[in-house]
């Protein structure tokens, strides 16, 4: 059963903005942390950001720091990724992923947020940045 569903992808011009949504099956609090990744053609999977459910602590990759913002709406069971100042190199499929609420991922938040040991993955939403 799909536990995470992304939406909000699309096409935008350089400098534009998009907001991605990741809606969870069940409460956000059922998950230890929820993160966003992207996969671009010819590139490896890149962890972009994540948010810890218990205290709202966040992580950002250097490539998106200052341009992307992760947030959550507990009432809507949704985690958002606000993407501003988009560049052509941001073109990719964007995925959200989550650690199970009983998980205690190893390492620092930077390490587990950017790693690939998440328990659940969404199916992705495409983002194209082009003039």
C-alpha atoms as a PDB file:
ATOM      1  CA  UNK A   1       0.000   0.000   0.000  1.00  0.00           C
ATOM      2  CA  UNK A   2       1.365   3.366  -1.006  1.00  0.00           C
ATOM      3  CA  UNK A   3       2.106   5.380   2.108  1.00  0.00           C
ATOM      4  CA  UNK A   4       3.384   8.548   0.458  1.00  0.00           C
ATOM      5  CA  UNK A   5       1.998  10.447  -2.504  1.00  0.00           C
ATOM      6  CA  UNK A   6       3.704  13.412  -4.135  1.00  0.00           C
ATOM      7  CA  UNK A   7       2.033  16.154  -6.131  1.00  0.00           C
ATOM      8  CA  UNK A   8       2.768  19.644  -7.382  1.00  0.00           C
ATOM      9  CA  UNK A   9       5.375  18.982 -10.018  1.00  0.00           C
ATOM     10  CA  UNK A  10       5.283  20.673 -13.386  1.00  0.00           C
ATOM     11  CA  UNK A  11       7.116  22.959 -15.776  1.00  0.00           C
ATOM     12  CA  UNK A  12       8.432  26.362 -14.786  1.00  0.00           C
ATOM     13  CA  UNK A  13      10.808  28.948 -16.184  1.00  0.00           C
ATOM     14  CA  UNK A  14      14.203  29.615 -14.581  1.00  0.00           C
ATOM     15  CA  UNK A  15      13.772  31.814 -11.547  1.00  0.00           C
ATOM     16  CA  UNK A  16      10.269  30.517 -10.949  1.00  0.00           C
ATOM     17  CA  UNK A  17       8.789  28.648  -7.996  1.00  0.00           C
ATOM     18  CA  UNK A  18       6.916  25.443  -7.322  1.00  0.00           C
ATOM     19  CA  UNK A  19       5.554  23.865  -4.179  1.00  0.00           C
ATOM     20  CA  UNK A  20       5.634  20.101  -3.916  1.00  0.00           C
ATOM     21  CA  UNK A  21       3.375  18.207  -1.550  1.00  0.00           C
ATOM     22  CA  UNK A  22       3.886  14.816   0.079  1.00  0.00           C
ATOM     23  CA  UNK A  23       0.717  13.444   1.614  1.00  0.00           C
ATOM     24  CA  UNK A  24       1.121  10.603   4.063  1.00  0.00           C
ATOM     25  CA  UNK A  25      -1.062   7.624   4.811  1.00  0.00           C
ATOM     26  CA  UNK A  26      -1.885   8.263   8.422  1.00  0.00           C
ATOM     27  CA  UNK A  27      -0.530  11.039  10.594  1.00  0.00           C
ATOM     28  CA  UNK A  28       2.836  12.646   9.960  1.00  0.00           C
ATOM     29  CA  UNK A  29       3.596  11.719  13.557  1.00  0.00           C
ATOM     30  CA  UNK A  30       3.449   8.050  12.511  1.00  0.00           C
ATOM     31  CA  UNK A  31       6.798   8.624  10.782  1.00  0.00           C
ATOM     32  CA  UNK A  32      10.125   9.438  12.385  1.00  0.00           C
ATOM     33  CA  UNK A  33      11.219  11.799   9.629  1.00  0.00           C
ATOM     34  CA  UNK A  34      10.112  12.659   6.101  1.00  0.00           C
ATOM     35  CA  UNK A  35      12.494  13.726   3.385  1.00  0.00           C
ATOM     36  CA  UNK A  36      12.662  14.883  -0.215  1.00  0.00           C
ATOM     37  CA  UNK A  37      14.963  13.470  -2.887  1.00  0.00           C
ATOM     38  CA  UNK A  38      15.430  14.004  -6.571  1.00  0.00           C
ATOM     39  CA  UNK A  39      16.702  11.915  -9.442  1.00  0.00           C
ATOM     40  CA  UNK A  40      17.892  13.637 -12.589  1.00  0.00           C
ATOM     41  CA  UNK A  41      18.808  11.963 -15.885  1.00  0.00           C
ATOM     42  CA  UNK A  42      22.425  10.855 -15.791  1.00  0.00           C
ATOM     43  CA  UNK A  43      22.822  11.767 -12.114  1.00  0.00           C
ATOM     44  CA  UNK A  44      22.557   9.878  -8.864  1.00  0.00           C
ATOM     45  CA  UNK A  45      19.809  10.226  -6.338  1.00  0.00           C
ATOM     46  CA  UNK A  46      20.236  13.358  -4.248  1.00  0.00           C
ATOM     47  CA  UNK A  47      18.812  13.904  -0.794  1.00  0.00           C
ATOM     48  CA  UNK A  48      17.547  17.486  -0.588  1.00  0.00           C
ATOM     49  CA  UNK A  49      15.811  18.053   2.706  1.00  0.00           C
ATOM     50  CA  UNK A  50      14.055  16.332   5.544  1.00  0.00           C
ATOM     51  CA  UNK A  51      12.065  17.175   8.634  1.00  0.00           C
ATOM     52  CA  UNK A  52      11.911  15.259  11.889  1.00  0.00           C
ATOM     53  CA  UNK A  53       8.384  14.682  13.136  1.00  0.00           C
ATOM     54  CA  UNK A  54       9.015  14.963  16.864  1.00  0.00           C
ATOM     55  CA  UNK A  55      10.606  18.413  16.962  1.00  0.00           C
ATOM     56  CA  UNK A  56      10.481  19.804  13.431  1.00  0.00           C
ATOM     57  CA  UNK A  57      14.248  19.881  13.025  1.00  0.00           C
ATOM     58  CA  UNK A  58      15.228  20.229   9.395  1.00  0.00           C
ATOM     59  CA  UNK A  59      18.091  19.340   7.101  1.00  0.00           C
ATOM     60  CA  UNK A  60      19.005  20.853   3.731  1.00  0.00           C
ATOM     61  CA  UNK A  61      21.575  19.849   1.163  1.00  0.00           C
ATOM     62  CA  UNK A  62      23.999  22.618   0.233  1.00  0.00           C
ATOM     63  CA  UNK A  63      22.669  22.590  -3.333  1.00  0.00           C
ATOM     64  CA  UNK A  64      19.240  23.833  -2.207  1.00  0.00           C
ATOM     65  CA  UNK A  65      19.965  25.693   1.021  1.00  0.00           C
ATOM     66  CA  UNK A  66      18.461  29.157   0.861  1.00  0.00           C
ATOM     67  CA  UNK A  67      16.220  28.305  -2.106  1.00  0.00           C
ATOM     68  CA  UNK A  68      14.121  25.372  -0.881  1.00  0.00           C
ATOM     69  CA  UNK A  69      12.080  25.231   2.319  1.00  0.00           C
ATOM     70  CA  UNK A  70      10.534  22.145   3.895  1.00  0.00           C
ATOM     71  CA  UNK A  71       7.451  22.510   6.071  1.00  0.00           C
ATOM     72  CA  UNK A  72       4.535  20.449   7.315  1.00  0.00           C
ATOM     73  CA  UNK A  73       0.837  20.726   7.979  1.00  0.00           C
ATOM     74  CA  UNK A  74      -0.067  18.098  10.543  1.00  0.00           C
ATOM     75  CA  UNK A  75      -3.799  18.637  10.050  1.00  0.00           C
ATOM     76  CA  UNK A  76      -3.462  17.796   6.353  1.00  0.00           C
ATOM     77  CA  UNK A  77      -0.909  15.004   6.831  1.00  0.00           C
ATOM     78  CA  UNK A  78       1.260  16.791   4.301  1.00  0.00           C
ATOM     79  CA  UNK A  79       4.896  17.799   4.065  1.00  0.00           C
ATOM     80  CA  UNK A  80       5.743  20.532   1.577  1.00  0.00           C
ATOM     81  CA  UNK A  81       8.854  21.482  -0.334  1.00  0.00           C
ATOM     82  CA  UNK A  82       8.728  25.110  -1.432  1.00  0.00           C
ATOM     83  CA  UNK A  83      11.195  25.579  -4.268  1.00  0.00           C
ATOM     84  CA  UNK A  84      12.200  29.105  -5.247  1.00  0.00           C
ATOM     85  CA  UNK A  85      14.728  30.541  -7.683  1.00  0.00           C
ATOM     86  CA  UNK A  86      14.581  27.363  -9.712  1.00  0.00           C
ATOM     87  CA  UNK A  87      17.396  26.598 -12.132  1.00  0.00           C
ATOM     88  CA  UNK A  88      17.556  24.296 -15.154  1.00  0.00           C
ATOM     89  CA  UNK A  89      19.759  21.962 -13.124  1.00  0.00           C
ATOM     90  CA  UNK A  90      16.854  21.452 -10.709  1.00  0.00           C
ATOM     91  CA  UNK A  91      15.084  19.487 -13.455  1.00  0.00           C
ATOM     92  CA  UNK A  92      14.451  16.001 -12.041  1.00  0.00           C
ATOM     93  CA  UNK A  93      11.880  13.621 -10.644  1.00  0.00           C
ATOM     94  CA  UNK A  94      11.214  14.535  -7.032  1.00  0.00           C
ATOM     95  CA  UNK A  95      10.362  11.903  -4.439  1.00  0.00           C
ATOM     96  CA  UNK A  96       9.412  11.970  -0.818  1.00  0.00           C
ATOM     97  CA  UNK A  97      10.467   9.254   1.588  1.00  0.00           C
ATOM     98  CA  UNK A  98       9.831   8.454   5.223  1.00  0.00           C
ATOM     99  CA  UNK A  99      11.274   6.565   8.140  1.00  0.00           C
ATOM    100  CA  UNK A 100       8.811   4.441  10.041  1.00  0.00           C
ATOM    101  CA  UNK A 101       7.787   5.874  13.372  1.00  0.00           C
ATOM    102  CA  UNK A 102       9.570   3.054  15.180  1.00  0.00           C
ATOM    103  CA  UNK A 103      12.782   3.577  13.243  1.00  0.00           C
ATOM    104  CA  UNK A 104      15.785   5.146  14.879  1.00  0.00           C
ATOM    105  CA  UNK A 105      18.065   5.866  11.926  1.00  0.00           C
ATOM    106  CA  UNK A 106      21.759   5.762  12.628  1.00  0.00           C
ATOM    107  CA  UNK A 107      24.140   8.656  12.344  1.00  0.00           C
ATOM    108  CA  UNK A 108      23.606  12.382  12.437  1.00  0.00           C
ATOM    109  CA  UNK A 109      20.529  13.987  10.970  1.00  0.00           C
ATOM    110  CA  UNK A 110      22.613  15.121   7.986  1.00  0.00           C
ATOM    111  CA  UNK A 111      23.716  11.539   7.403  1.00  0.00           C
ATOM    112  CA  UNK A 112      20.383   9.780   7.620  1.00  0.00           C
ATOM    113  CA  UNK A 113      18.420  12.496   5.864  1.00  0.00           C
ATOM    114  CA  UNK A 114      20.684  12.331   2.822  1.00  0.00           C
ATOM    115  CA  UNK A 115      21.051   8.561   2.877  1.00  0.00           C
ATOM    116  CA  UNK A 116      18.980   5.878   1.230  1.00  0.00           C
ATOM    117  CA  UNK A 117      17.793   3.878   4.228  1.00  0.00           C
ATOM    118  CA  UNK A 118      14.281   5.264   4.328  1.00  0.00           C
ATOM    119  CA  UNK A 119      11.499   2.734   4.924  1.00  0.00           C
ATOM    120  CA  UNK A 120       8.905   4.128   2.532  1.00  0.00           C
ATOM    121  CA  UNK A 121       9.080   5.913  -0.816  1.00  0.00           C
ATOM    122  CA  UNK A 122       6.601   7.738  -2.983  1.00  0.00           C
ATOM    123  CA  UNK A 123       6.325   7.368  -6.740  1.00  0.00           C
ATOM    124  CA  UNK A 124       7.665  10.796  -7.606  1.00  0.00           C
ATOM    125  CA  UNK A 125       6.553  13.926  -9.378  1.00  0.00           C
ATOM    126  CA  UNK A 126       8.417  15.490 -12.317  1.00  0.00           C
ATOM    127  CA  UNK A 127       9.833  19.011 -12.298  1.00  0.00           C
ATOM    128  CA  UNK A 128      11.126  20.683 -15.452  1.00  0.00           C
ATOM    129  CA  UNK A 129      12.872  24.044 -15.349  1.00  0.00           C
ATOM    130  CA  UNK A 130      13.316  25.446 -18.826  1.00  0.00           C
ATOM    131  CA  UNK A 131      12.902  28.641 -20.789  1.00  0.00           C
END
